[in-house]
Amino acid sequence: MIPTQDGRYRTSVSNGLMVDIIQKQDQRTGKKTRGIVGEILTNSTFHPHGIKVRLSDGKVGRIGAIIFR
């Protein structure tokens, strides 16, 4: 079974979803940036470090957490 809240699985991610991403320059510190998914950039169904997305404001990073309102 694939977890539905896991940002490592592409099936868990969709446009319009609120997420926390870790940008490339923040990988060492783990600083997260919150935003809305505008585009999914990872083509594979799974990535161990998180699916790469572009937020609606243009920032790119890997999903660290999916936010539920």
N, C-alpha and C. Protein backbone atom coordinates (compact mmCIF):
# COMPACT_ATOMS: atom_id res chain seq x y z
N MET A 1 0.83 -1.19 0.00
CA MET A 1 0.00 0.00 0.00
C MET A 1 0.87 1.25 0.00
N ILE A 2 0.54 2.21 -0.83
CA ILE A 2 1.28 3.46 -0.91
C ILE A 2 0.64 4.47 0.04
N PRO A 3 1.44 5.06 0.95
CA PRO A 3 0.88 6.06 1.86
C PRO A 3 0.36 7.27 1.09
N THR A 4 -0.79 7.80 1.48
CA THR A 4 -1.38 8.91 0.74
C THR A 4 -0.84 10.27 1.19
N GLN A 5 -0.12 10.34 2.31
CA GLN A 5 0.42 11.61 2.78
C GLN A 5 1.93 11.68 2.65
N ASP A 6 2.52 10.83 1.87
CA ASP A 6 3.97 10.74 1.77
C ASP A 6 4.46 11.50 0.54
N GLY A 7 5.26 12.55 0.76
CA GLY A 7 5.76 13.39 -0.32
C GLY A 7 6.81 12.72 -1.18
N ARG A 8 7.15 11.47 -0.89
CA ARG A 8 8.11 10.72 -1.72
C ARG A 8 7.42 10.00 -2.87
N TYR A 9 6.09 9.91 -2.82
CA TYR A 9 5.32 9.23 -3.86
C TYR A 9 4.59 10.26 -4.72
N ARG A 10 4.75 10.14 -6.02
CA ARG A 10 4.15 11.10 -6.96
C ARG A 10 2.62 11.08 -6.89
N THR A 11 2.05 9.91 -6.58
CA THR A 11 0.59 9.80 -6.50
C THR A 11 0.01 10.62 -5.36
N SER A 12 0.83 11.00 -4.38
CA SER A 12 0.37 11.80 -3.23
C SER A 12 0.37 13.29 -3.53
N VAL A 13 0.96 13.68 -4.65
CA VAL A 13 1.18 15.10 -4.96
C VAL A 13 0.29 15.51 -6.12
N SER A 14 -0.33 16.68 -5.98
CA SER A 14 -1.13 17.21 -7.09
C SER A 14 -1.04 18.74 -7.07
N ASN A 15 -1.35 19.34 -8.20
CA ASN A 15 -1.34 20.80 -8.30
C ASN A 15 -2.36 21.37 -7.32
N GLY A 16 -2.00 22.47 -6.66
CA GLY A 16 -2.89 23.11 -5.72
C GLY A 16 -2.73 22.63 -4.28
N LEU A 17 -1.89 21.63 -4.06
CA LEU A 17 -1.66 21.08 -2.73
C LEU A 17 -0.71 21.98 -1.95
N MET A 18 -0.99 22.21 -0.67
CA MET A 18 -0.08 23.00 0.17
C MET A 18 1.00 22.08 0.73
N VAL A 19 2.26 22.48 0.54
CA VAL A 19 3.39 21.65 0.96
C VAL A 19 4.50 22.51 1.55
N ASP A 20 5.39 21.86 2.27
CA ASP A 20 6.65 22.46 2.68
C ASP A 20 7.72 21.82 1.80
N ILE A 21 8.56 22.65 1.16
CA ILE A 21 9.65 22.13 0.33
C ILE A 21 10.98 22.49 0.96
N ILE A 22 11.99 21.71 0.59
CA ILE A 22 13.37 22.03 0.96
C ILE A 22 14.09 22.38 -0.33
N GLN A 23 14.51 23.64 -0.44
CA GLN A 23 15.22 24.08 -1.64
C GLN A 23 16.66 23.59 -1.60
N LYS A 24 17.30 23.53 -2.76
CA LYS A 24 18.66 23.03 -2.88
C LYS A 24 19.62 23.72 -1.91
N GLN A 25 19.55 25.04 -1.82
CA GLN A 25 20.48 25.78 -0.97
C GLN A 25 20.19 25.56 0.52
N ASP A 26 19.03 25.00 0.86
CA ASP A 26 18.66 24.77 2.26
C ASP A 26 18.79 23.32 2.69
N GLN A 27 19.37 22.48 1.85
CA GLN A 27 19.46 21.06 2.17
C GLN A 27 20.29 20.80 3.43
N ARG A 28 21.35 21.55 3.63
CA ARG A 28 22.19 21.33 4.82
C ARG A 28 21.48 21.70 6.11
N THR A 29 20.71 22.78 6.07
CA THR A 29 20.03 23.25 7.28
C THR A 29 18.66 22.61 7.46
N GLY A 30 18.05 22.16 6.37
CA GLY A 30 16.72 21.57 6.43
C GLY A 30 15.60 22.60 6.51
N LYS A 31 15.93 23.88 6.23
CA LYS A 31 14.93 24.95 6.25
C LYS A 31 13.84 24.66 5.22
N LYS A 32 12.59 24.77 5.66
CA LYS A 32 11.46 24.49 4.78
C LYS A 32 10.77 25.77 4.34
N THR A 33 10.24 25.74 3.13
CA THR A 33 9.52 26.86 2.56
C THR A 33 8.11 26.38 2.22
N ARG A 34 7.10 27.08 2.70
CA ARG A 34 5.71 26.67 2.47
C ARG A 34 5.15 27.32 1.22
N GLY A 35 4.35 26.56 0.49
CA GLY A 35 3.70 27.11 -0.70
C GLY A 35 2.74 26.13 -1.32
N ILE A 36 2.18 26.54 -2.44
CA ILE A 36 1.19 25.75 -3.18
C ILE A 36 1.87 25.17 -4.42
N VAL A 37 1.68 23.86 -4.65
CA VAL A 37 2.28 23.19 -5.81
C VAL A 37 1.68 23.77 -7.09
N GLY A 38 2.57 24.24 -7.97
CA GLY A 38 2.15 24.75 -9.26
C GLY A 38 2.45 23.76 -10.37
N GLU A 39 3.54 22.99 -10.20
CA GLU A 39 3.96 22.03 -11.23
C GLU A 39 4.78 20.93 -10.56
N ILE A 40 4.55 19.69 -10.98
CA ILE A 40 5.33 18.55 -10.50
C ILE A 40 6.46 18.33 -11.49
N LEU A 41 7.70 18.31 -11.00
CA LEU A 41 8.86 18.21 -11.88
C LEU A 41 9.45 16.80 -11.96
N THR A 42 9.24 15.98 -10.94
CA THR A 42 9.75 14.61 -10.94
C THR A 42 8.82 13.72 -11.75
N ASN A 43 9.40 12.96 -12.68
CA ASN A 43 8.59 12.07 -13.52
C ASN A 43 8.41 10.68 -12.92
N SER A 44 9.37 10.23 -12.10
CA SER A 44 9.28 8.88 -11.55
C SER A 44 8.19 8.81 -10.48
N THR A 45 7.72 7.61 -10.18
CA THR A 45 6.64 7.43 -9.22
C THR A 45 7.10 7.56 -7.78
N PHE A 46 8.41 7.44 -7.53
CA PHE A 46 8.96 7.50 -6.17
C PHE A 46 10.34 8.15 -6.21
N HIS A 47 10.63 8.98 -5.21
CA HIS A 47 11.97 9.51 -5.04
C HIS A 47 12.27 9.53 -3.54
N PRO A 48 13.39 8.93 -3.11
CA PRO A 48 13.66 8.78 -1.67
C PRO A 48 13.83 10.10 -0.92
N HIS A 49 14.15 11.19 -1.61
CA HIS A 49 14.34 12.49 -0.95
C HIS A 49 13.14 13.41 -1.12
N GLY A 50 12.11 12.95 -1.78
CA GLY A 50 10.91 13.75 -2.00
C GLY A 50 10.73 14.13 -3.46
N ILE A 51 9.50 14.24 -3.87
CA ILE A 51 9.16 14.62 -5.24
C ILE A 51 9.52 16.10 -5.44
N LYS A 52 10.16 16.40 -6.55
CA LYS A 52 10.55 17.78 -6.84
C LYS A 52 9.37 18.50 -7.48
N VAL A 53 9.09 19.71 -6.94
CA VAL A 53 7.98 20.51 -7.45
C VAL A 53 8.40 21.96 -7.63
N ARG A 54 7.63 22.68 -8.42
CA ARG A 54 7.76 24.14 -8.53
C ARG A 54 6.52 24.72 -7.89
N LEU A 55 6.71 25.59 -6.92
CA LEU A 55 5.58 26.23 -6.26
C LEU A 55 4.97 27.28 -7.17
N SER A 56 3.78 27.73 -6.81
CA SER A 56 3.09 28.74 -7.63
C SER A 56 3.86 30.06 -7.68
N ASP A 57 4.75 30.31 -6.69
CA ASP A 57 5.55 31.53 -6.71
C ASP A 57 6.89 31.34 -7.42
N GLY A 58 7.14 30.14 -7.99
CA GLY A 58 8.33 29.89 -8.79
C GLY A 58 9.46 29.19 -8.07
N LYS A 59 9.38 29.02 -6.77
CA LYS A 59 10.45 28.34 -6.02
C LYS A 59 10.41 26.85 -6.31
N VAL A 60 11.60 26.24 -6.38
CA VAL A 60 11.72 24.81 -6.71
C VAL A 60 12.39 24.09 -5.55
N GLY A 61 11.87 22.91 -5.23
CA GLY A 61 12.47 22.10 -4.18
C GLY A 61 11.78 20.76 -4.06
N ARG A 62 12.28 19.95 -3.14
CA ARG A 62 11.71 18.63 -2.91
C ARG A 62 10.76 18.70 -1.72
N ILE A 63 9.65 17.98 -1.81
CA ILE A 63 8.65 18.01 -0.77
C ILE A 63 9.19 17.42 0.53
N GLY A 64 9.11 18.21 1.59
CA GLY A 64 9.50 17.77 2.91
C GLY A 64 8.29 17.36 3.74
N ALA A 65 7.15 17.98 3.46
CA ALA A 65 5.92 17.66 4.19
C ALA A 65 4.71 18.14 3.38
N ILE A 66 3.62 17.40 3.52
CA ILE A 66 2.35 17.81 2.94
C ILE A 66 1.52 18.40 4.07
N ILE A 67 0.96 19.59 3.83
CA ILE A 67 0.23 20.32 4.87
C ILE A 67 -1.27 20.10 4.67
N PHE A 68 -1.93 19.73 5.76
CA PHE A 68 -3.39 19.53 5.72
C PHE A 68 -4.02 20.66 6.52
N ARG A 69 -4.95 21.34 5.91
CA ARG A 69 -5.60 22.50 6.55
C ARG A 69 -6.70 22.08 7.46
